Amino acid sequence: SPPAKGLVVRPLTPSRWPHFETLFG
């Protein structure tokens, strides 16, 4: 795979739960 561009990695925390829920669908 080519190098990943524009990525930011963050731990899943309670404030990020909606992002996780949207990703998983």
PDB file of all heavy atoms in Angstrom:
ATOM      1  N   SER A   1       0.833  -1.200   0.000  1.00  0.00           N
ATOM      2  CA  SER A   1       0.000   0.000   0.000  1.00  0.00           C
ATOM      3  C   SER A   1       0.865   1.247   0.000  1.00  0.00           C
ATOM      4  O   SER A   1       1.956   1.261   0.567  1.00  0.00           O
ATOM      5  CB  SER A   1      -0.892   0.020   1.244  1.00  0.00           C
ATOM      6  OG  SER A   1      -1.742  -1.088   1.260  1.00  0.00           O
ATOM      7  N   PRO A   2       0.423   2.316  -0.665  1.00  0.00           N
ATOM      8  CA  PRO A   2       1.173   3.567  -0.613  1.00  0.00           C
ATOM      9  C   PRO A   2       1.128   4.152   0.785  1.00  0.00           C
ATOM     10  O   PRO A   2       0.272   3.794   1.590  1.00  0.00           O
ATOM     11  CB  PRO A   2       0.417   4.460  -1.612  1.00  0.00           C
ATOM     12  CG  PRO A   2      -0.977   3.898  -1.629  1.00  0.00           C
ATOM     13  CD  PRO A   2      -0.830   2.432  -1.438  1.00  0.00           C
ATOM     14  N   PRO A   3       2.061   5.039   1.105  1.00  0.00           N
ATOM     15  CA  PRO A   3       2.045   5.651   2.441  1.00  0.00           C
ATOM     16  C   PRO A   3       0.713   6.343   2.711  1.00  0.00           C
ATOM     17  O   PRO A   3       0.139   6.976   1.832  1.00  0.00           O
ATOM     18  CB  PRO A   3       3.200   6.663   2.362  1.00  0.00           C
ATOM     19  CG  PRO A   3       4.077   6.172   1.267  1.00  0.00           C
ATOM     20  CD  PRO A   3       3.162   5.522   0.269  1.00  0.00           C
ATOM     21  N   ALA A   4       0.212   6.182   3.912  1.00  0.00           N
ATOM     22  CA  ALA A   4      -1.050   6.820   4.285  1.00  0.00           C
ATOM     23  C   ALA A   4      -0.841   8.318   4.431  1.00  0.00           C
ATOM     24  O   ALA A   4       0.068   8.758   5.127  1.00  0.00           O
ATOM     25  CB  ALA A   4      -1.570   6.224   5.583  1.00  0.00           C
ATOM     26  N   LYS A   5      -1.677   9.107   3.779  1.00  0.00           N
ATOM     27  CA  LYS A   5      -1.541  10.557   3.810  1.00  0.00           C
ATOM     28  C   LYS A   5      -2.708  11.167   4.577  1.00  0.00           C
ATOM     29  O   LYS A   5      -3.843  10.721   4.490  1.00  0.00           O
ATOM     30  CB  LYS A   5      -1.503  11.112   2.384  1.00  0.00           C
ATOM     31  CG  LYS A   5      -0.272  10.676   1.589  1.00  0.00           C
ATOM     32  CD  LYS A   5      -0.278  11.297   0.202  1.00  0.00           C
ATOM     33  CE  LYS A   5       0.965  10.883  -0.587  1.00  0.00           C
ATOM     34  NZ  LYS A   5       0.971  11.472  -1.948  1.00  0.00           N
ATOM     35  N   GLY A   6      -2.397  12.212   5.315  1.00  0.00           N
ATOM     36  CA  GLY A   6      -3.431  12.968   6.004  1.00  0.00           C
ATOM     37  C   GLY A   6      -4.118  12.220   7.119  1.00  0.00           C
ATOM     38  O   GLY A   6      -5.255  12.542   7.476  1.00  0.00           O
ATOM     39  N   LEU A   7      -3.453  11.222   7.692  1.00  0.00           N
ATOM     40  CA  LEU A   7      -4.070  10.426   8.751  1.00  0.00           C
ATOM     41  C   LEU A   7      -3.691  10.951  10.131  1.00  0.00           C
ATOM     42  O   LEU A   7      -2.551  11.346  10.366  1.00  0.00           O
ATOM     43  CB  LEU A   7      -3.627   8.965   8.661  1.00  0.00           C
ATOM     44  CG  LEU A   7      -4.334   8.060   7.664  1.00  0.00           C
ATOM     45  CD1 LEU A   7      -3.787   6.650   7.792  1.00  0.00           C
ATOM     46  CD2 LEU A   7      -5.833   8.060   7.871  1.00  0.00           C
ATOM     47  N   VAL A   8      -4.646  10.918  11.026  1.00  0.00           N
ATOM     48  CA  VAL A   8      -4.427  11.197  12.437  1.00  0.00           C
ATOM     49  C   VAL A   8      -5.004  10.018  13.202  1.00  0.00           C
ATOM     50  O   VAL A   8      -6.126   9.576  12.925  1.00  0.00           O
ATOM     51  CB  VAL A   8      -5.112  12.499  12.872  1.00  0.00           C
ATOM     52  CG1 VAL A   8      -4.946  12.728  14.367  1.00  0.00           C
ATOM     53  CG2 VAL A   8      -4.558  13.687  12.091  1.00  0.00           C
ATOM     54  N   VAL A   9      -4.258   9.470  14.152  1.00  0.00           N
ATOM     55  CA  VAL A   9      -4.714   8.311  14.924  1.00  0.00           C
ATOM     56  C   VAL A   9      -4.928   8.739  16.372  1.00  0.00           C
ATOM     57  O   VAL A   9      -4.051   9.367  16.984  1.00  0.00           O
ATOM     58  CB  VAL A   9      -3.705   7.154  14.843  1.00  0.00           C
ATOM     59  CG1 VAL A   9      -4.162   5.976  15.697  1.00  0.00           C
ATOM     60  CG2 VAL A   9      -3.516   6.714  13.390  1.00  0.00           C
ATOM     61  N   ARG A  10      -6.087   8.391  16.907  1.00  0.00           N
ATOM     62  CA  ARG A  10      -6.446   8.761  18.270  1.00  0.00           C
ATOM     63  C   ARG A  10      -7.080   7.563  18.978  1.00  0.00           C
ATOM     64  O   ARG A  10      -7.732   6.737  18.346  1.00  0.00           O
ATOM     65  CB  ARG A  10      -7.442   9.921  18.275  1.00  0.00           C
ATOM     66  CG  ARG A  10      -6.904  11.217  17.700  1.00  0.00           C
ATOM     67  CD  ARG A  10      -5.919  11.865  18.660  1.00  0.00           C
ATOM     68  NE  ARG A  10      -5.448  13.170  18.183  1.00  0.00           N
ATOM     69  CZ  ARG A  10      -4.319  13.354  17.514  1.00  0.00           C
ATOM     70  NH1 ARG A  10      -3.546  12.308  17.249  1.00  0.00           N
ATOM     71  NH2 ARG A  10      -3.960  14.562  17.117  1.00  0.00           N
ATOM     72  N   PRO A  11      -6.923   7.454  20.309  1.00  0.00           N
ATOM     73  CA  PRO A  11      -7.579   6.368  21.041  1.00  0.00           C
ATOM     74  C   PRO A  11      -9.083   6.556  21.083  1.00  0.00           C
ATOM     75  O   PRO A  11      -9.587   7.692  21.057  1.00  0.00           O
ATOM     76  CB  PRO A  11      -6.962   6.463  22.438  1.00  0.00           C
ATOM     77  CG  PRO A  11      -6.535   7.890  22.565  1.00  0.00           C
ATOM     78  CD  PRO A  11      -6.101   8.309  21.196  1.00  0.00           C
ATOM     79  N   LEU A  12      -9.809   5.436  21.154  1.00  0.00           N
ATOM     80  CA  LEU A  12     -11.253   5.508  21.321  1.00  0.00           C
ATOM     81  C   LEU A  12     -11.568   5.835  22.772  1.00  0.00           C
ATOM     82  O   LEU A  12     -11.242   5.080  23.685  1.00  0.00           O
ATOM     83  CB  LEU A  12     -11.894   4.174  20.926  1.00  0.00           C
ATOM     84  CG  LEU A  12     -13.402   4.051  21.174  1.00  0.00           C
ATOM     85  CD1 LEU A  12     -14.175   5.165  20.471  1.00  0.00           C
ATOM     86  CD2 LEU A  12     -13.903   2.679  20.741  1.00  0.00           C
ATOM     87  N   THR A  13     -12.182   6.968  22.988  1.00  0.00           N
ATOM     88  CA  THR A  13     -12.577   7.451  24.311  1.00  0.00           C
ATOM     89  C   THR A  13     -14.071   7.752  24.275  1.00  0.00           C
ATOM     90  O   THR A  13     -14.688   7.778  23.198  1.00  0.00           O
ATOM     91  CB  THR A  13     -11.798   8.726  24.672  1.00  0.00           C
ATOM     92  OG1 THR A  13     -12.080   9.725  23.672  1.00  0.00           O
ATOM     93  CG2 THR A  13     -10.294   8.471  24.734  1.00  0.00           C
ATOM     94  N   PRO A  14     -14.690   7.985  25.435  1.00  0.00           N
ATOM     95  CA  PRO A  14     -16.134   8.271  25.422  1.00  0.00           C
ATOM     96  C   PRO A  14     -16.525   9.416  24.495  1.00  0.00           C
ATOM     97  O   PRO A  14     -17.563   9.347  23.825  1.00  0.00           O
ATOM     98  CB  PRO A  14     -16.429   8.601  26.890  1.00  0.00           C
ATOM     99  CG  PRO A  14     -15.439   7.777  27.652  1.00  0.00           C
ATOM    100  CD  PRO A  14     -14.179   7.824  26.818  1.00  0.00           C
ATOM    101  N   SER A  15     -15.702  10.443  24.413  1.00  0.00           N
ATOM    102  CA  SER A  15     -16.058  11.575  23.559  1.00  0.00           C
ATOM    103  C   SER A  15     -15.999  11.213  22.073  1.00  0.00           C
ATOM    104  O   SER A  15     -16.614  11.893  21.240  1.00  0.00           O
ATOM    105  CB  SER A  15     -15.133  12.762  23.843  1.00  0.00           C
ATOM    106  OG  SER A  15     -13.798  12.468  23.468  1.00  0.00           O
ATOM    107  N   ARG A  16     -15.274  10.160  21.738  1.00  0.00           N
ATOM    108  CA  ARG A  16     -15.144   9.745  20.338  1.00  0.00           C
ATOM    109  C   ARG A  16     -16.066   8.584  19.995  1.00  0.00           C
ATOM    110  O   ARG A  16     -16.028   8.082  18.873  1.00  0.00           O
ATOM    111  CB  ARG A  16     -13.689   9.373  20.031  1.00  0.00           C
ATOM    112  CG  ARG A  16     -12.724  10.549  20.177  1.00  0.00           C
ATOM    113  CD  ARG A  16     -11.324  10.204  19.679  1.00  0.00           C
ATOM    114  NE  ARG A  16     -10.437  11.351  19.853  1.00  0.00           N
ATOM    115  CZ  ARG A  16      -9.511  11.449  20.812  1.00  0.00           C
ATOM    116  NH1 ARG A  16      -9.312  10.433  21.657  1.00  0.00           N
ATOM    117  NH2 ARG A  16      -8.756  12.530  20.933  1.00  0.00           N
ATOM    118  N   TRP A  17     -16.882   8.155  20.958  1.00  0.00           N
ATOM    119  CA  TRP A  17     -17.799   7.052  20.674  1.00  0.00           C
ATOM    120  C   TRP A  17     -18.679   7.320  19.458  1.00  0.00           C
ATOM    121  O   TRP A  17     -18.867   6.421  18.613  1.00  0.00           O
ATOM    122  CB  TRP A  17     -18.672   6.728  21.890  1.00  0.00           C
ATOM    123  CG  TRP A  17     -19.739   5.726  21.543  1.00  0.00           C
ATOM    124  CD1 TRP A  17     -21.054   5.973  21.265  1.00  0.00           C
ATOM    125  CD2 TRP A  17     -19.557   4.316  21.385  1.00  0.00           C
ATOM    126  NE1 TRP A  17     -21.710   4.808  20.952  1.00  0.00           N
ATOM    127  CE2 TRP A  17     -20.810   3.783  21.015  1.00  0.00           C
ATOM    128  CE3 TRP A  17     -18.463   3.463  21.514  1.00  0.00           C
ATOM    129  CZ2 TRP A  17     -21.004   2.414  20.773  1.00  0.00           C
ATOM    130  CZ3 TRP A  17     -18.647   2.100  21.283  1.00  0.00           C
ATOM    131  CH2 TRP A  17     -19.900   1.592  20.917  1.00  0.00           C
ATOM    132  N   PRO A  18     -19.260   8.501  19.278  1.00  0.00           N
ATOM    133  CA  PRO A  18     -20.091   8.719  18.085  1.00  0.00           C
ATOM    134  C   PRO A  18     -19.332   8.499  16.774  1.00  0.00           C
ATOM    135  O   PRO A  18     -19.920   8.041  15.788  1.00  0.00           O
ATOM    136  CB  PRO A  18     -20.532  10.186  18.228  1.00  0.00           C
ATOM    137  CG  PRO A  18     -20.469  10.453  19.699  1.00  0.00           C
ATOM    138  CD  PRO A  18     -19.278   9.675  20.179  1.00  0.00           C
ATOM    139  N   HIS A  19     -18.027   8.796  16.763  1.00  0.00           N
ATOM    140  CA  HIS A  19     -17.241   8.584  15.547  1.00  0.00           C
ATOM    141  C   HIS A  19     -17.103   7.084  15.270  1.00  0.00           C
ATOM    142  O   HIS A  19     -17.206   6.636  14.119  1.00  0.00           O
ATOM    143  CB  HIS A  19     -15.848   9.203  15.698  1.00  0.00           C
ATOM    144  CG  HIS A  19     -15.862  10.615  16.173  1.00  0.00           C
ATOM    145  ND1 HIS A  19     -14.756  11.247  16.694  1.00  0.00           N
ATOM    146  CD2 HIS A  19     -16.858  11.546  16.212  1.00  0.00           C
ATOM    147  CE1 HIS A  19     -15.057  12.486  17.028  1.00  0.00           C
ATOM    148  NE2 HIS A  19     -16.327  12.688  16.754  1.00  0.00           N
ATOM    149  N   PHE A  20     -16.847   6.315  16.315  1.00  0.00           N
ATOM    150  CA  PHE A  20     -16.734   4.864  16.196  1.00  0.00           C
ATOM    151  C   PHE A  20     -18.057   4.262  15.729  1.00  0.00           C
ATOM    152  O   PHE A  20     -18.093   3.401  14.841  1.00  0.00           O
ATOM    153  CB  PHE A  20     -16.325   4.290  17.552  1.00  0.00           C
ATOM    154  CG  PHE A  20     -16.248   2.793  17.610  1.00  0.00           C
ATOM    155  CD1 PHE A  20     -15.161   2.114  17.073  1.00  0.00           C
ATOM    156  CD2 PHE A  20     -17.248   2.060  18.237  1.00  0.00           C
ATOM    157  CE1 PHE A  20     -15.082   0.721  17.140  1.00  0.00           C
ATOM    158  CE2 PHE A  20     -17.169   0.675  18.319  1.00  0.00           C
ATOM    159  CZ  PHE A  20     -16.084   0.005  17.770  1.00  0.00           C
ATOM    160  N   GLU A  21     -19.156   4.737  16.309  1.00  0.00           N
ATOM    161  CA  GLU A  21     -20.475   4.217  15.960  1.00  0.00           C
ATOM    162  C   GLU A  21     -20.809   4.503  14.498  1.00  0.00           C
ATOM    163  O   GLU A  21     -21.362   3.649  13.789  1.00  0.00           O
ATOM    164  CB  GLU A  21     -21.521   4.833  16.892  1.00  0.00           C
ATOM    165  CG  GLU A  21     -22.845   4.128  16.886  1.00  0.00           C
ATOM    166  CD  GLU A  21     -23.742   4.608  18.007  1.00  0.00           C
ATOM    167  OE1 GLU A  21     -23.547   5.741  18.510  1.00  0.00           O
ATOM    168  OE2 GLU A  21     -24.655   3.841  18.380  1.00  0.00           O
ATOM    169  N   THR A  22     -20.447   5.682  14.041  1.00  0.00           N
ATOM    170  CA  THR A  22     -20.682   6.025  12.636  1.00  0.00           C
ATOM    171  C   THR A  22     -19.833   5.158  11.717  1.00  0.00           C
ATOM    172  O   THR A  22     -20.313   4.674  10.676  1.00  0.00           O
ATOM    173  CB  THR A  22     -20.373   7.511  12.391  1.00  0.00           C
ATOM    174  OG1 THR A  22     -21.249   8.307  13.178  1.00  0.00           O
ATOM    175  CG2 THR A  22     -20.540   7.870  10.918  1.00  0.00           C
ATOM    176  N   LEU A  23     -18.564   4.949  12.077  1.00  0.00           N
ATOM    177  CA  LEU A  23     -17.676   4.119  11.266  1.00  0.00           C
ATOM    178  C   LEU A  23     -18.215   2.694  11.146  1.00  0.00           C
ATOM    179  O   LEU A  23     -18.218   2.113  10.055  1.00  0.00           O
ATOM    180  CB  LEU A  23     -16.283   4.097  11.887  1.00  0.00           C
ATOM    181  CG  LEU A  23     -15.261   3.134  11.265  1.00  0.00           C
ATOM    182  CD1 LEU A  23     -14.958   3.526   9.820  1.00  0.00           C
ATOM    183  CD2 LEU A  23     -13.981   3.109  12.093  1.00  0.00           C
ATOM    184  N   PHE A  24     -18.673   2.110  12.231  1.00  0.00           N
ATOM    185  CA  PHE A  24     -19.131   0.724  12.215  1.00  0.00           C
ATOM    186  C   PHE A  24     -20.517   0.568  11.597  1.00  0.00           C
ATOM    187  O   PHE A  24     -20.838  -0.489  11.057  1.00  0.00           O
ATOM    188  CB  PHE A  24     -19.101   0.150  13.635  1.00  0.00           C
ATOM    189  CG  PHE A  24     -17.794  -0.484  13.985  1.00  0.00           C
ATOM    190  CD1 PHE A  24     -16.584   0.091  13.625  1.00  0.00           C
ATOM    191  CD2 PHE A  24     -17.757  -1.673  14.694  1.00  0.00           C
ATOM    192  CE1 PHE A  24     -15.375  -0.500  13.946  1.00  0.00           C
ATOM    193  CE2 PHE A  24     -16.555  -2.281  15.024  1.00  0.00           C
ATOM    194  CZ  PHE A  24     -15.355  -1.694  14.644  1.00  0.00           C
ATOM    195  N   GLY A  25     -21.340   1.599  11.687  1.00  0.00           N
ATOM    196  CA  GLY A  25     -22.643   1.564  11.037  1.00  0.00           C
ATOM    197  C   GLY A  25     -23.617   0.588  11.678  1.00  0.00           C
ATOM    198  O   GLY A  25     -23.338  -0.032  12.705  1.00  0.00           O
TER     199      GLY A  25
END
